[in-house]
PDB file of N, CA and C in Angstrom:
ATOM      1  N   HIS A   1      90.685 108.777 113.404  1.00  0.00           N
ATOM      2  CA  HIS A   1      91.779 108.272 112.578  1.00  0.00           C
ATOM      3  C   HIS A   1      91.804 106.752 112.655  1.00  0.00           C
ATOM      4  N   SER A   2      91.931 106.106 111.512  1.00  0.00           N
ATOM      5  CA  SER A   2      91.855 104.648 111.442  1.00  0.00           C
ATOM      6  C   SER A   2      92.917 103.956 112.281  1.00  0.00           C
ATOM      7  N   PHE A   3      94.135 104.500 112.300  1.00  0.00           N
ATOM      8  CA  PHE A   3      95.204 103.855 113.055  1.00  0.00           C
ATOM      9  C   PHE A   3      94.891 103.833 114.539  1.00  0.00           C
ATOM     10  N   ASN A   4      94.270 104.888 115.048  1.00  0.00           N
ATOM     11  CA  ASN A   4      93.871 104.911 116.453  1.00  0.00           C
ATOM     12  C   ASN A   4      92.855 103.813 116.751  1.00  0.00           C
ATOM     13  N   LEU A   5      91.961 103.543 115.812  1.00  0.00           N
ATOM     14  CA  LEU A   5      90.997 102.454 115.985  1.00  0.00           C
ATOM     15  C   LEU A   5      91.722 101.119 116.071  1.00  0.00           C
ATOM     16  N   PHE A   6      92.729 100.939 115.235  1.00  0.00           N
ATOM     17  CA  PHE A   6      93.520  99.718 115.269  1.00  0.00           C
ATOM     18  C   PHE A   6      94.161  99.547 116.639  1.00  0.00           C
ATOM     19  N   LEU A   7      94.814 100.584 117.123  1.00  0.00           N
ATOM     20  CA  LEU A   7      95.493 100.502 118.425  1.00  0.00           C
ATOM     21  C   LEU A   7      94.505 100.248 119.560  1.00  0.00           C
ATOM     22  N   ARG A   8      93.357 100.891 119.504  1.00  0.00           N
ATOM     23  CA  ARG A   8      92.364 100.759 120.571  1.00  0.00           C
ATOM     24  C   ARG A   8      91.825  99.333 120.683  1.00  0.00           C
ATOM     25  N   ASP A   9      91.794  98.616 119.564  1.00  0.00           N
ATOM     26  CA  ASP A   9      91.261  97.255 119.566  1.00  0.00           C
ATOM     27  C   ASP A   9      92.284  96.206 120.003  1.00  0.00           C
ATOM     28  N   LEU A  10      93.540  96.599 120.145  1.00  0.00           N
ATOM     29  CA  LEU A  10      94.572  95.654 120.588  1.00  0.00           C
ATOM     30  C   LEU A  10      94.470  95.422 122.095  1.00  0.00           C
ATOM     31  N   PRO A  11      94.895  94.247 122.550  1.00  0.00           N
ATOM     32  CA  PRO A  11      95.043  94.073 124.004  1.00  0.00           C
ATOM     33  C   PRO A  11      96.009  95.133 124.537  1.00  0.00           C
ATOM     34  N   GLU A  12      95.786  95.602 125.748  1.00  0.00           N
ATOM     35  CA  GLU A  12      96.543  96.738 126.284  1.00  0.00           C
ATOM     36  C   GLU A  12      98.060  96.522 126.216  1.00  0.00           C
ATOM     37  N   ARG A  13      98.527  95.357 126.678  1.00  0.00           N
ATOM     38  CA  ARG A  13      99.971  95.136 126.675  1.00  0.00           C
ATOM     39  C   ARG A  13     100.522  95.121 125.259  1.00  0.00           C
ATOM     40  N   ASP A  14      99.824  94.485 124.326  1.00  0.00           N
ATOM     41  CA  ASP A  14     100.292  94.433 122.942  1.00  0.00           C
ATOM     42  C   ASP A  14     100.377  95.840 122.354  1.00  0.00           C
ATOM     43  N   CYS A  15      99.388  96.654 122.634  1.00  0.00           N
ATOM     44  CA  CYS A  15      99.385  98.040 122.176  1.00  0.00           C
ATOM     45  C   CYS A  15     100.585  98.788 122.760  1.00  0.00           C
ATOM     46  N   ASN A  16     100.797  98.634 124.059  1.00  0.00           N
ATOM     47  CA  ASN A  16     101.902  99.329 124.715  1.00  0.00           C
ATOM     48  C   ASN A  16     103.250  98.898 124.146  1.00  0.00           C
ATOM     49  N   VAL A  17     103.432  97.606 123.938  1.00  0.00           N
ATOM     50  CA  VAL A  17     104.685  97.097 123.381  1.00  0.00           C
ATOM     51  C   VAL A  17     104.900  97.675 121.982  1.00  0.00           C
ATOM     52  N   PHE A  18     103.869  97.660 121.161  1.00  0.00           N
ATOM     53  CA  PHE A  18     103.959  98.174 119.794  1.00  0.00           C
ATOM     54  C   PHE A  18     104.325  99.657 119.782  1.00  0.00           C
ATOM     55  N   VAL A  19     103.642 100.437 120.611  1.00  0.00           N
ATOM     56  CA  VAL A  19     103.902 101.880 120.677  1.00  0.00           C
ATOM     57  C   VAL A  19     105.296 102.152 121.229  1.00  0.00           C
ATOM     58  N   ARG A  20     105.721 101.419 122.251  1.00  0.00           N
ATOM     59  CA  ARG A  20     107.062 101.619 122.819  1.00  0.00           C
ATOM     60  C   ARG A  20     108.129 101.342 121.759  1.00  0.00           C
ATOM     61  N   ARG A  21     107.901 100.325 120.924  1.00  0.00           N
ATOM     62  CA  ARG A  21     108.908  99.950 119.917  1.00  0.00           C
ATOM     63  C   ARG A  21     108.926 100.909 118.740  1.00  0.00           C
ATOM     64  N   TYR A  22     107.760 101.225 118.196  1.00  0.00           N
ATOM     65  CA  TYR A  22     107.727 101.954 116.927  1.00  0.00           C
ATOM     66  C   TYR A  22     107.442 103.447 117.056  1.00  0.00           C
ATOM     67  N   TYR A  23     106.994 103.910 118.192  1.00  0.00           N
ATOM     68  CA  TYR A  23     106.786 105.348 118.386  1.00  0.00           C
ATOM     69  C   TYR A  23     107.891 105.916 119.271  1.00  0.00           C
ATOM     70  N   HIS A  24     108.157 105.246 120.386  1.00  0.00           N
ATOM     71  CA  HIS A  24     109.199 105.712 121.306  1.00  0.00           C
ATOM     72  C   HIS A  24     110.575 105.149 120.947  1.00  0.00           C
ATOM     73  N   VAL A  25     110.604 104.182 120.042  1.00  0.00           N
ATOM     74  CA  VAL A  25     111.825 103.539 119.547  1.00  0.00           C
ATOM     75  C   VAL A  25     112.639 102.923 120.698  1.00  0.00           C
ATOM     76  N   ASP A  26     111.951 102.313 121.643  1.00  0.00           N
ATOM     77  CA  ASP A  26     112.617 101.580 122.722  1.00  0.00           C
ATOM     78  C   ASP A  26     113.223 100.298 122.157  1.00  0.00           C
ATOM     79  N   SER A  27     114.309  99.839 122.763  1.00  0.00           N
ATOM     80  CA  SER A  27     114.915  98.578 122.348  1.00  0.00           C
ATOM     81  C   SER A  27     114.051  97.411 122.826  1.00  0.00           C
ATOM     82  N   ILE A  28     114.269  96.258 122.212  1.00  0.00           N
ATOM     83  CA  ILE A  28     113.568  95.044 122.626  1.00  0.00           C
ATOM     84  C   ILE A  28     113.861  94.763 124.099  1.00  0.00           C
ATOM     85  N   GLU A  29     115.118  94.929 124.483  1.00  0.00           N
ATOM     86  CA  GLU A  29     115.522  94.685 125.874  1.00  0.00           C
ATOM     87  C   GLU A  29     114.808  95.634 126.841  1.00  0.00           C
ATOM     88  N   GLU A  30     114.715  96.910 126.491  1.00  0.00           N
ATOM     89  CA  GLU A  30     114.017  97.882 127.346  1.00  0.00           C
ATOM     90  C   GLU A  30     112.542  97.504 127.518  1.00  0.00           C
ATOM     91  N   ILE A  31     111.927  97.104 126.432  1.00  0.00           N
ATOM     92  CA  ILE A  31     110.514  96.730 126.483  1.00  0.00           C
ATOM     93  C   ILE A  31     110.330  95.485 127.350  1.00  0.00           C
ATOM     94  N   ALA A  32     111.195  94.500 127.168  1.00  0.00           N
ATOM     95  CA  ALA A  32     111.106  93.268 127.958  1.00  0.00           C
ATOM     96  C   ALA A  32     111.214  93.587 129.451  1.00  0.00           C
ATOM     97  N   LYS A  33     112.164  94.423 129.811  1.00  0.00           N
ATOM     98  CA  LYS A  33     112.336  94.803 131.225  1.00  0.00           C
ATOM     99  C   LYS A  33     111.124  95.560 131.744  1.00  0.00           C
ATOM    100  N   ARG A  34     110.632  96.502 130.954  1.00  0.00           N
ATOM    101  CA  ARG A  34     109.494  97.339 131.378  1.00  0.00           C
ATOM    102  C   ARG A  34     108.259  96.493 131.703  1.00  0.00           C
ATOM    103  N   TYR A  35     107.999  95.467 130.877  1.00  0.00           N
ATOM    104  CA  TYR A  35     106.783  94.672 131.048  1.00  0.00           C
ATOM    105  C   TYR A  35     107.020  93.319 131.707  1.00  0.00           C
ATOM    106  N   GLY A  36     108.271  93.054 132.098  1.00  0.00           N
ATOM    107  CA  GLY A  36     108.570  91.809 132.804  1.00  0.00           C
ATOM    108  C   GLY A  36     108.342  90.565 131.964  1.00  0.00           C
ATOM    109  N   ILE A  37     108.698  90.664 130.687  1.00  0.00           N
ATOM    110  CA  ILE A  37     108.535  89.536 129.775  1.00  0.00           C
ATOM    111  C   ILE A  37     109.875  89.269 129.086  1.00  0.00           C
ATOM    112  N   SER A  38     109.987  88.109 128.448  1.00  0.00           N
ATOM    113  CA  SER A  38     111.230  87.772 127.758  1.00  0.00           C
ATOM    114  C   SER A  38     111.348  88.553 126.443  1.00  0.00           C
ATOM    115  N   LYS A  39     112.572  88.673 125.963  1.00  0.00           N
ATOM    116  CA  LYS A  39     112.781  89.320 124.667  1.00  0.00           C
ATOM    117  C   LYS A  39     112.076  88.528 123.565  1.00  0.00           C
ATOM    118  N   ALA A  40     112.079  87.199 123.683  1.00  0.00           N
ATOM    119  CA  ALA A  40     111.383  86.366 122.693  1.00  0.00           C
ATOM    120  C   ALA A  40     109.891  86.691 122.660  1.00  0.00           C
ATOM    121  N   ASN A  41     109.316  86.926 123.827  1.00  0.00           N
ATOM    122  CA  ASN A  41     107.897  87.268 123.888  1.00  0.00           C
ATOM    123  C   ASN A  41     107.646  88.631 123.253  1.00  0.00           C
ATOM    124  N   VAL A  42     108.553  89.583 123.444  1.00  0.00           N
ATOM    125  CA  VAL A  42     108.418  90.893 122.799  1.00  0.00           C
ATOM    126  C   VAL A  42     108.403  90.702 121.282  1.00  0.00           C
ATOM    127  N   PHE A  43     109.335  89.891 120.757  1.00  0.00           N
ATOM    128  CA  PHE A  43     109.365  89.630 119.318  1.00  0.00           C
ATOM    129  C   PHE A  43     108.050  89.013 118.838  1.00  0.00           C
ATOM    130  N   LYS A  44     107.505  88.074 119.602  1.00  0.00           N
ATOM    131  CA  LYS A  44     106.238  87.434 119.221  1.00  0.00           C
ATOM    132  C   LYS A  44     105.104  88.444 119.185  1.00  0.00           C
ATOM    133  N   ILE A  45     105.022  89.279 120.222  1.00  0.00           N
ATOM    134  CA  ILE A  45     103.965  90.300 120.283  1.00  0.00           C
ATOM    135  C   ILE A  45     104.080  91.240 119.090  1.00  0.00           C
ATOM    136  N   LEU A  46     105.291  91.696 118.789  1.00  0.00           N
ATOM    137  CA  LEU A  46     105.480  92.622 117.672  1.00  0.00           C
ATOM    138  C   LEU A  46     105.134  91.962 116.343  1.00  0.00           C
ATOM    139  N   SER A  47     105.532  90.716 116.176  1.00  0.00           N
ATOM    140  CA  SER A  47     105.233  90.006 114.938  1.00  0.00           C
ATOM    141  C   SER A  47     103.728  89.847 114.746  1.00  0.00           C
ATOM    142  N   ARG A  48     103.029  89.422 115.796  1.00  0.00           N
ATOM    143  CA  ARG A  48     101.566  89.258 115.720  1.00  0.00           C
ATOM    144  C   ARG A  48     100.889  90.600 115.445  1.00  0.00           C
ATOM    145  N   THR A  49     101.378  91.647 116.096  1.00  0.00           N
ATOM    146  CA  THR A  49     100.748  92.960 115.941  1.00  0.00           C
ATOM    147  C   THR A  49     100.981  93.508 114.537  1.00  0.00           C
ATOM    148  N   ARG A  50     102.167  93.311 113.991  1.00  0.00           N
ATOM    149  CA  ARG A  50     102.411  93.745 112.610  1.00  0.00           C
ATOM    150  C   ARG A  50     101.505  93.011 111.638  1.00  0.00           C
ATOM    151  N   GLN A  51     101.285  91.714 111.865  1.00  0.00           N
ATOM    152  CA  GLN A  51     100.385  90.947 111.006  1.00  0.00           C
ATOM    153  C   GLN A  51      98.952  91.476 111.119  1.00  0.00           C
ATOM    154  N   LYS A  52      98.518  91.766 112.337  1.00  0.00           N
ATOM    155  CA  LYS A  52      97.175  92.341 112.533  1.00  0.00           C
ATOM    156  C   LYS A  52      97.066  93.691 111.838  1.00  0.00           C
ATOM    157  N   LEU A  53      98.136  94.494 111.908  1.00  0.00           N
ATOM    158  CA  LEU A  53      98.125  95.800 111.256  1.00  0.00           C
ATOM    159  C   LEU A  53      98.032  95.633 109.740  1.00  0.00           C
ATOM    160  N   LYS A  54      98.756  94.693 109.200  1.00  0.00           N
ATOM    161  CA  LYS A  54      98.698  94.432 107.762  1.00  0.00           C
ATOM    162  C   LYS A  54      97.278  94.062 107.336  1.00  0.00           C
ATOM    163  N   GLU A  55      96.643  93.175 108.103  1.00  0.00           N
ATOM    164  CA  GLU A  55      95.260  92.781 107.799  1.00  0.00           C
ATOM    165  C   GLU A  55      94.310  93.962 107.939  1.00  0.00           C
ATOM    166  N   PHE A  56      94.490  94.755 108.980  1.00  0.00           N
ATOM    167  CA  PHE A  56      93.650  95.934 109.214  1.00  0.00           C
ATOM    168  C   PHE A  56      93.772  96.917 108.045  1.00  0.00           C
ATOM    169  N   LEU A  57      95.006  97.191 107.628  1.00  0.00           N
ATOM    170  CA  LEU A  57      95.206  98.137 106.537  1.00  0.00           C
ATOM    171  C   LEU A  57      94.617  97.626 105.228  1.00  0.00           C
ATOM    172  N   GLY A  58      94.719  96.319 105.008  1.00  0.00           N
ATOM    173  CA  GLY A  58      94.089  95.734 103.818  1.00  0.00           C
ATOM    174  C   GLY A  58      92.584  95.939 103.817  1.00  0.00           C
ATOM    175  N   LYS A  59      91.966  95.743 104.961  1.00  0.00           N
ATOM    176  CA  LYS A  59      90.510  95.942 105.075  1.00  0.00           C
ATOM    177  C   LYS A  59      90.127  97.401 104.905  1.00  0.00           C
ATOM    178  N   GLU A  60      91.053  98.309 105.276  1.00  0.00           N
ATOM    179  CA  GLU A  60      90.806  99.746 105.134  1.00  0.00           C
ATOM    180  C   GLU A  60      91.053 100.225 103.706  1.00  0.00           C
ATOM    181  N   GLY A  61      91.509  99.322 102.825  1.00  0.00           N
ATOM    182  CA  GLY A  61      91.680  99.670 101.433  1.00  0.00           C
ATOM    183  C   GLY A  61      93.082 100.122 101.050  1.00  0.00           C
ATOM    184  N   PHE A  62      94.046  99.961 101.947  1.00  0.00           N
ATOM    185  CA  PHE A  62      95.424 100.320 101.609  1.00  0.00           C
ATOM    186  C   PHE A  62      96.072  99.156 100.884  1.00  0.00           C
ATOM    187  N   ALA A  63      96.730  99.445  99.782  1.00  0.00           N
ATOM    188  CA  ALA A  63      97.443  98.418  99.020  1.00  0.00           C
ATOM    189  C   ALA A  63      98.804  98.195  99.669  1.00  0.00           C
ATOM    190  N   LEU A  64      99.105  96.937  99.963  1.00  0.00           N
ATOM    191  CA  LEU A  64     100.385  96.623 100.605  1.00  0.00           C
ATOM    192  C   LEU A  64     101.255  95.806  99.681  1.00  0.00           C
TER     193      LEU A  64
END
């Protein structure tokens, strides 16, 4: 599955943060505590990862 390839290519922490937020629906605060990072850093990781996902999906032929 293409999405699994996308996740596998992410740095481990970025992948974990993304999955915790959008699959497990953890709050930003919960994620920050879990990984010992600031809430601002969680927002940055999620923003970068969403941008990477957008680029990945474009390359896979999905119209966005």
